[in-house]
Amino acid sequence: MLAFQQLAFMASLLALVKGQTPPGFTPSCSMNLAVIYAEGMSVQPGSFFQATEAFAVLPEIGSQQLDIYKRYAVFMIDLDVVEDGKATTILHWYQADLLTNPCSGELLNLSGNGALYVGPTPPPGPSHRYVLLLFTQPAGYVIPECFRHVLPLTLPSRQGFNVNQFMEVAELGQPTAANYFSAANPNQATSTRVATATSLHSADCRTASARAENQHWDLR
């Protein structure tokens, strides 16, 4: 606990002069989310790493600026996937109902309700950017039914994840904290993947307020 607290504090100081999400990426925010992998490997916004076994283990995340009385949801997304000539994304992790340790600021998963973590495994070639976004959950938050397809640990279910649509449908608001890094496969690429178009999955959804309004009329 103390180690996380110390590393998170140092990380937040170093991140003060940097953006917390990749340039041009939306959504964005100004609060740093401490992300610490095995052996104290601390992520600074824009850090570069070789994709190693250290990423296979779920990182510790948190911030001493979080509200201990609120619940949070985290997303980790690969922004640089190229599949069949199209630029897309992959959801690597989703976890809701996180609570803050009041002593260290570390976020604790007490529910196990989410999309299991998968560490960065980019193919040989250019590095991939991985962004972590933390949201404050609104009262009564549940994952939208139209996004429950992301929960299984399969490539088709995670590919093309559209975080902006998720935010709108779940009415999450803007991120509370964020961080990002780049990781590359140490092996040399034998071919180059070039994206000529962009493809994100568009779920068939309504916003939480629209669902509540519809339920109201159904009851009448």
Protein backbone atom coordinates (compact mmCIF):
# COMPACT_ATOMS: atom_id res chain seq x y z
CA MET A 1 0.00 0.00 0.00
CA LEU A 2 2.75 2.43 0.98
CA ALA A 3 4.71 1.61 -2.18
CA PHE A 4 1.68 2.44 -4.34
CA GLN A 5 1.09 5.68 -2.44
CA GLN A 6 4.68 6.81 -2.92
CA LEU A 7 4.84 5.84 -6.61
CA ALA A 8 1.45 7.39 -7.35
CA PHE A 9 2.51 10.66 -5.71
CA MET A 10 5.73 10.84 -7.74
CA ALA A 11 3.85 9.95 -10.91
CA SER A 12 1.32 12.72 -10.34
CA LEU A 13 4.10 15.28 -9.91
CA LEU A 14 5.83 14.20 -13.12
CA ALA A 15 2.54 14.24 -15.03
CA LEU A 16 1.66 17.83 -14.13
CA VAL A 17 3.35 19.23 -17.22
CA LYS A 18 1.88 16.68 -19.64
CA GLY A 19 -1.50 15.93 -21.14
CA GLN A 20 -3.13 12.84 -19.70
CA THR A 21 -4.39 11.49 -23.05
CA PRO A 22 -2.76 11.30 -26.50
CA PRO A 23 -2.72 14.56 -28.50
CA GLY A 24 -5.93 14.95 -30.48
CA PHE A 25 -7.71 12.14 -28.63
CA THR A 26 -11.14 12.68 -27.13
CA PRO A 27 -12.29 12.46 -24.43
CA SER A 28 -9.57 14.06 -22.32
CA CYS A 29 -9.04 15.42 -18.82
CA SER A 30 -6.42 17.09 -16.64
CA MET A 31 -6.16 14.69 -13.67
CA ASN A 32 -3.49 12.00 -13.82
CA LEU A 33 -4.44 8.39 -13.17
CA ALA A 34 -1.52 6.60 -11.54
CA VAL A 35 -0.83 3.32 -13.36
CA ILE A 36 1.77 1.02 -11.86
CA TYR A 37 2.73 -2.34 -13.33
CA ALA A 38 4.81 -5.13 -11.85
CA GLU A 39 8.14 -4.32 -10.20
CA GLY A 40 7.13 -0.69 -9.70
CA MET A 41 7.01 0.14 -13.43
CA SER A 42 5.19 3.48 -13.33
CA VAL A 43 3.41 4.85 -16.41
CA GLN A 44 3.90 8.52 -17.24
CA PRO A 45 1.68 10.08 -19.93
CA GLY A 46 3.28 9.16 -23.24
CA SER A 47 5.75 6.62 -21.82
CA PHE A 48 7.18 4.07 -24.23
CA PHE A 49 7.74 0.42 -23.31
CA GLN A 50 8.61 -2.85 -24.94
CA ALA A 51 5.64 -5.21 -24.60
CA THR A 52 6.89 -7.73 -22.02
CA GLU A 53 5.42 -10.17 -19.51
CA ALA A 54 5.21 -7.31 -17.00
CA PHE A 55 2.09 -6.13 -18.82
CA ALA A 56 0.37 -9.49 -18.42
CA VAL A 57 -0.52 -8.69 -14.82
CA LEU A 58 -3.28 -6.22 -13.99
CA PRO A 59 -1.77 -2.85 -13.00
CA GLU A 60 -2.50 -0.96 -9.81
CA ILE A 61 -4.34 2.28 -10.54
CA GLY A 62 -5.56 5.21 -8.48
CA SER A 63 -5.14 8.80 -7.37
CA GLN A 64 -5.13 10.54 -4.03
CA GLN A 65 -7.44 13.16 -5.53
CA LEU A 66 -10.38 10.75 -5.88
CA ASP A 67 -13.52 10.87 -3.76
CA ILE A 68 -13.59 7.90 -1.38
CA TYR A 69 -17.40 8.02 -1.30
CA LYS A 70 -17.86 7.57 -5.04
CA ARG A 71 -17.57 4.59 -7.36
CA TYR A 72 -15.51 4.58 -10.53
CA ALA A 73 -15.28 2.72 -13.83
CA VAL A 74 -12.05 2.25 -15.80
CA PHE A 75 -11.43 1.48 -19.46
CA MET A 76 -8.17 0.52 -21.18
CA ILE A 77 -8.21 0.80 -24.96
CA ASP A 78 -5.70 0.09 -27.73
CA LEU A 79 -6.08 3.00 -30.15
CA ASP A 80 -3.87 1.75 -32.99
CA VAL A 81 -5.29 -1.53 -34.20
CA VAL A 82 -5.28 -2.15 -37.97
CA GLU A 83 -7.54 -4.92 -39.22
CA ASP A 84 -8.27 -5.57 -42.92
CA GLY A 85 -6.92 -2.16 -43.85
CA LYS A 86 -9.11 -0.32 -41.32
CA ALA A 87 -8.01 1.55 -38.21
CA THR A 88 -9.96 0.41 -35.19
CA THR A 89 -9.68 -0.14 -31.43
CA ILE A 90 -9.65 -3.00 -28.95
CA LEU A 91 -10.99 -2.83 -25.41
CA HIS A 92 -8.37 -4.37 -23.13
CA TRP A 93 -10.10 -3.80 -19.81
CA TYR A 94 -13.35 -2.55 -18.33
CA GLN A 95 -14.09 -2.58 -14.63
CA ALA A 96 -16.92 -0.79 -12.83
CA ASP A 97 -17.73 -0.25 -9.14
CA LEU A 98 -14.16 0.54 -8.15
CA LEU A 99 -13.72 2.06 -4.68
CA THR A 100 -10.85 4.20 -3.43
CA ASN A 101 -8.60 3.12 -0.58
CA PRO A 102 -8.76 6.18 1.72
CA CYS A 103 -5.15 5.74 2.84
CA SER A 104 -3.31 5.16 -0.45
CA GLY A 105 -5.71 6.35 -3.17
CA GLU A 106 -5.47 2.96 -4.87
CA LEU A 107 -8.65 1.83 -6.58
CA LEU A 108 -10.00 -1.48 -5.32
CA ASN A 109 -12.09 -3.96 -7.28
CA LEU A 110 -14.58 -5.51 -4.89
CA SER A 111 -17.19 -6.62 -7.42
CA GLY A 112 -15.37 -8.51 -10.19
CA ASN A 113 -18.04 -7.21 -12.56
CA GLY A 114 -16.35 -6.26 -15.82
CA ALA A 115 -14.43 -7.24 -18.94
CA LEU A 116 -11.32 -9.15 -17.89
CA TYR A 117 -7.97 -7.44 -18.35
CA VAL A 118 -5.79 -8.38 -21.33
CA GLY A 119 -2.27 -6.96 -21.42
CA PRO A 120 -0.80 -5.13 -24.43
CA THR A 121 0.33 -7.55 -27.15
CA PRO A 122 0.87 -5.41 -30.26
CA PRO A 123 2.01 -7.20 -33.41
CA PRO A 124 5.53 -6.56 -34.76
CA GLY A 125 5.72 -3.12 -36.32
CA PRO A 126 4.82 0.38 -35.13
CA SER A 127 4.05 0.88 -31.45
CA HIS A 128 0.45 1.04 -30.23
CA ARG A 129 -1.00 3.65 -27.90
CA TYR A 130 -2.94 2.42 -24.88
CA VAL A 131 -5.18 4.87 -23.03
CA LEU A 132 -6.70 4.35 -19.58
CA LEU A 133 -9.80 6.39 -18.78
CA LEU A 134 -11.39 6.61 -15.34
CA PHE A 135 -14.98 7.81 -14.97
CA THR A 136 -17.04 8.70 -11.93
CA GLN A 137 -20.13 6.51 -11.98
CA PRO A 138 -23.50 8.27 -11.81
CA ALA A 139 -26.04 7.07 -9.26
CA GLY A 140 -27.62 3.77 -10.24
CA TYR A 141 -25.01 3.08 -12.92
CA VAL A 142 -25.09 -0.26 -14.72
CA ILE A 143 -23.40 -1.20 -17.96
CA PRO A 144 -25.81 -0.50 -20.85
CA GLU A 145 -27.40 -3.69 -22.14
CA CYS A 146 -26.29 -2.84 -25.67
CA PHE A 147 -22.64 -2.90 -24.52
CA ARG A 148 -22.72 -6.15 -22.59
CA HIS A 149 -21.25 -7.83 -25.67
CA VAL A 150 -17.81 -6.46 -24.64
CA LEU A 151 -17.68 -8.58 -21.48
CA PRO A 152 -16.62 -11.96 -22.99
CA LEU A 153 -12.91 -12.43 -23.53
CA THR A 154 -13.01 -12.71 -27.33
CA LEU A 155 -11.54 -10.55 -30.09
CA PRO A 156 -14.85 -9.95 -31.93
CA SER A 157 -16.52 -8.75 -28.72
CA ARG A 158 -13.74 -6.28 -27.85
CA GLN A 159 -12.76 -4.99 -31.31
CA GLY A 160 -14.09 -1.64 -32.52
CA PHE A 161 -15.01 -0.42 -29.02
CA ASN A 162 -16.42 3.12 -29.22
CA VAL A 163 -15.80 4.81 -25.87
CA ASN A 164 -17.52 8.04 -26.90
CA GLN A 165 -20.73 6.20 -27.68
CA PHE A 166 -20.46 4.31 -24.38
CA MET A 167 -20.08 7.63 -22.55
CA GLU A 168 -23.16 9.05 -24.23
CA VAL A 169 -25.37 6.01 -23.71
CA ALA A 170 -24.31 5.46 -20.08
CA GLU A 171 -24.34 9.22 -19.42
CA LEU A 172 -20.93 9.05 -17.77
CA GLY A 173 -19.79 12.59 -18.38
CA GLN A 174 -16.15 13.42 -19.07
CA PRO A 175 -13.30 11.32 -17.63
CA THR A 176 -12.21 12.05 -14.08
CA ALA A 177 -8.61 10.90 -14.63
CA ALA A 178 -6.55 9.34 -17.40
CA ASN A 179 -3.15 8.13 -18.52
CA TYR A 180 -1.62 6.60 -21.62
CA PHE A 181 1.49 4.89 -22.92
CA SER A 182 2.90 3.29 -26.03
CA ALA A 183 4.14 -0.27 -26.34
CA ALA A 184 5.87 -2.10 -29.17
CA ASN A 185 6.56 -5.71 -30.04
CA PRO A 186 10.34 -6.29 -29.85
CA ASN A 187 10.23 -8.55 -32.93
CA GLN A 188 10.81 -7.08 -36.37
CA ALA A 189 7.80 -6.79 -38.66
CA THR A 190 7.82 -8.78 -41.90
CA SER A 191 5.11 -6.61 -43.45
CA THR A 192 3.50 -3.22 -42.89
CA ARG A 193 -0.14 -2.74 -41.96
CA VAL A 194 -1.62 0.40 -43.48
CA ALA A 195 -5.06 1.73 -42.58
CA THR A 196 -7.03 3.39 -45.36
CA ALA A 197 -10.25 3.84 -43.37
CA THR A 198 -11.56 3.88 -39.79
CA SER A 199 -14.00 1.39 -38.33
CA LEU A 200 -15.68 1.55 -34.89
CA HIS A 201 -18.55 -0.60 -33.72
CA SER A 202 -21.83 1.30 -33.35
CA ALA A 203 -24.04 -0.39 -30.77
CA ASP A 204 -27.83 -0.17 -31.06
CA CYS A 205 -28.44 1.85 -27.91
CA ARG A 206 -30.54 4.46 -26.20
CA THR A 207 -29.34 6.75 -23.44
CA ALA A 208 -30.04 5.91 -19.82
CA SER A 209 -32.57 8.74 -19.55
CA ALA A 210 -34.36 7.58 -22.71
CA ARG A 211 -34.56 4.04 -21.32
CA ALA A 212 -35.97 5.35 -18.05
CA GLU A 213 -38.54 7.46 -19.90
CA ASN A 214 -39.59 4.46 -21.97
CA GLN A 215 -39.93 2.35 -18.83
CA HIS A 216 -42.09 5.11 -17.30
CA TRP A 217 -44.51 5.00 -20.22
CA ASP A 218 -44.55 1.20 -20.16
CA LEU A 219 -45.66 1.30 -16.54
CA ARG A 220 -48.51 3.61 -17.45
